[in-house]
Amino acid sequence: MDGARVFRPTGIAAALAFGCLPLAAYAQQPKVLVMAGGEADFDACGSHGVVRGLKASGDGFLAVRSGPGSKHAMLDKVYNGTVLNLCDQRGHWLGVVYSHETMDCGVGTPWPTRQVYSGPCRAGWVYRNYVADLAG
């Protein structure tokens, strides 16, 4: 070629598309699944906690995230008084299983093999500072 620039429409279109995404879309981390079980003599999620300490003057909710960290996508919101099954932990983040209804989440019995929680309730990660131990 004689020094002329060649423009590729697909490259320009891709650059424009990515330029329109919010900055948060670039920063989100991949999902980290909540693990439960692994002890033949203990419940799959060995303890319970309750959401406490959220101030009404703040957001008023605790974000449930797709992984242990604030750069993970928010999946849901829980509020003061919500009871959580505590199943997993990574640093200051808890892997939890919970239901907004009064539903048996299936983690109150032993699971001899450690495995990914897959339902019927919701699962995600919450910041430990807003969860008080109930039992376990």
Protein backbone atom coordinates (compact mmCIF):
# COMPACT_ATOMS: atom_id res chain seq x y z
CA MET A 1 0.00 0.00 0.00
CA ASP A 2 1.17 3.53 -0.57
CA GLY A 3 0.76 4.87 2.96
CA ALA A 4 -2.99 5.32 2.72
CA ARG A 5 -4.94 4.35 5.82
CA VAL A 6 -7.34 1.48 5.54
CA PHE A 7 -10.42 1.75 7.75
CA ARG A 8 -12.30 -1.33 8.72
CA PRO A 9 -15.94 -0.59 9.55
CA THR A 10 -16.14 -3.53 11.97
CA GLY A 11 -13.26 -2.12 14.02
CA ILE A 12 -14.85 1.30 14.19
CA ALA A 13 -18.25 -0.16 15.08
CA ALA A 14 -16.70 -2.26 17.85
CA ALA A 15 -14.81 0.72 19.24
CA LEU A 16 -17.99 2.80 19.27
CA ALA A 17 -19.97 0.00 20.92
CA PHE A 18 -17.40 -0.48 23.69
CA GLY A 19 -17.12 3.26 24.15
CA CYS A 20 -20.81 3.41 25.02
CA LEU A 21 -20.59 0.82 27.82
CA PRO A 22 -20.56 2.15 31.37
CA LEU A 23 -17.20 1.99 33.13
CA ALA A 24 -18.62 -0.55 35.63
CA ALA A 25 -19.07 -3.07 32.80
CA TYR A 26 -15.32 -3.21 32.33
CA ALA A 27 -14.61 -3.68 36.04
CA GLN A 28 -17.02 -6.49 36.90
CA GLN A 29 -15.43 -9.75 37.89
CA PRO A 30 -16.57 -13.24 36.90
CA LYS A 31 -19.15 -15.00 39.05
CA VAL A 32 -17.86 -17.05 42.00
CA LEU A 33 -20.26 -19.83 42.90
CA VAL A 34 -21.19 -20.46 46.55
CA MET A 35 -19.97 -23.83 47.81
CA ALA A 36 -21.75 -25.85 50.50
CA GLY A 37 -21.27 -29.13 52.31
CA GLY A 38 -18.18 -31.27 52.63
CA GLU A 39 -18.79 -32.71 56.10
CA ALA A 40 -20.72 -35.95 56.57
CA ASP A 41 -21.71 -35.03 60.14
CA PHE A 42 -22.67 -31.35 59.72
CA ASP A 43 -25.30 -29.39 57.82
CA ALA A 44 -24.34 -28.23 54.32
CA CYS A 45 -24.36 -24.64 55.60
CA GLY A 46 -23.23 -24.92 59.19
CA SER A 47 -24.48 -21.65 60.61
CA HIS A 48 -27.02 -18.85 60.28
CA GLY A 49 -26.64 -15.12 60.39
CA VAL A 50 -28.93 -12.14 60.37
CA VAL A 51 -28.41 -8.86 58.51
CA ARG A 52 -27.86 -6.08 61.08
CA GLY A 53 -26.45 -2.59 61.33
CA LEU A 54 -27.72 -1.12 58.07
CA LYS A 55 -28.60 2.53 58.58
CA ALA A 56 -31.85 3.89 57.22
CA SER A 57 -29.99 7.10 56.35
CA GLY A 58 -27.71 5.11 54.03
CA ASP A 59 -28.70 2.80 51.21
CA GLY A 60 -30.75 0.73 53.67
CA PHE A 61 -29.78 -2.57 52.04
CA LEU A 62 -26.90 -5.01 51.87
CA ALA A 63 -25.89 -5.93 48.33
CA VAL A 64 -25.77 -9.60 47.44
CA ARG A 65 -23.00 -9.94 44.87
CA SER A 66 -21.94 -12.54 42.31
CA GLY A 67 -18.58 -12.97 44.03
CA PRO A 68 -16.58 -11.96 47.11
CA GLY A 69 -15.85 -8.31 46.40
CA SER A 70 -17.44 -5.01 45.52
CA LYS A 71 -16.32 -5.27 41.89
CA HIS A 72 -18.66 -8.22 41.36
CA ALA A 73 -22.13 -7.58 39.96
CA MET A 74 -24.97 -6.96 42.39
CA LEU A 75 -27.53 -9.78 42.19
CA ASP A 76 -30.01 -8.78 44.88
CA LYS A 77 -30.60 -6.71 48.02
CA VAL A 78 -31.22 -7.92 51.57
CA TYR A 79 -32.34 -5.83 54.53
CA ASN A 80 -31.98 -5.70 58.31
CA GLY A 81 -33.55 -8.81 59.83
CA THR A 82 -32.99 -11.08 56.81
CA VAL A 83 -31.79 -14.53 57.93
CA LEU A 84 -28.99 -16.03 55.84
CA ASN A 85 -27.50 -19.53 55.70
CA LEU A 86 -23.72 -19.07 55.96
CA CYS A 87 -22.08 -21.60 53.65
CA ASP A 88 -18.76 -20.25 52.40
CA GLN A 89 -16.24 -17.54 53.26
CA ARG A 90 -13.46 -15.71 51.45
CA GLY A 91 -11.81 -13.01 53.52
CA HIS A 92 -14.46 -10.57 54.74
CA TRP A 93 -17.08 -11.96 52.34
CA LEU A 94 -19.63 -14.66 53.12
CA GLY A 95 -21.14 -17.07 50.62
CA VAL A 96 -24.80 -17.21 51.60
CA VAL A 97 -27.99 -19.06 50.69
CA TYR A 98 -31.31 -17.37 51.45
CA SER A 99 -34.92 -16.98 50.46
CA HIS A 100 -37.14 -13.89 50.48
CA GLU A 101 -40.01 -16.27 51.32
CA THR A 102 -39.98 -18.81 54.13
CA MET A 103 -38.64 -21.66 52.07
CA ASP A 104 -36.49 -24.66 52.96
CA CYS A 105 -33.29 -24.11 51.00
CA GLY A 106 -32.11 -27.69 51.50
CA VAL A 107 -28.90 -26.82 53.37
CA GLY A 108 -30.02 -27.92 56.85
CA THR A 109 -28.89 -31.52 56.31
CA PRO A 110 -25.41 -32.97 55.78
CA TRP A 111 -23.88 -32.98 52.31
CA PRO A 112 -20.86 -35.30 52.53
CA THR A 113 -19.36 -33.84 49.33
CA ARG A 114 -18.53 -30.15 48.95
CA GLN A 115 -20.42 -28.81 45.94
CA VAL A 116 -21.87 -25.74 44.30
CA TYR A 117 -25.22 -24.65 45.72
CA SER A 118 -27.75 -24.81 42.88
CA GLY A 119 -31.14 -24.08 44.41
CA PRO A 120 -34.04 -23.87 45.10
CA CYS A 121 -33.12 -20.64 46.95
CA ARG A 122 -30.90 -17.73 46.04
CA ALA A 123 -27.14 -17.71 46.62
CA GLY A 124 -24.49 -15.00 46.53
CA TRP A 125 -21.89 -13.08 48.52
CA VAL A 126 -22.36 -10.42 51.21
CA TYR A 127 -19.93 -8.29 53.20
CA ARG A 128 -19.34 -9.84 56.65
CA ASN A 129 -19.53 -6.61 58.69
CA TYR A 130 -23.33 -6.47 58.34
CA VAL A 131 -24.07 -10.07 59.34
CA ALA A 132 -24.40 -11.12 62.99
CA ASP A 133 -24.08 -14.81 63.90
CA LEU A 134 -27.31 -16.50 64.98
CA ALA A 135 -26.26 -20.11 65.44
CA GLY A 136 -23.77 -22.69 64.30
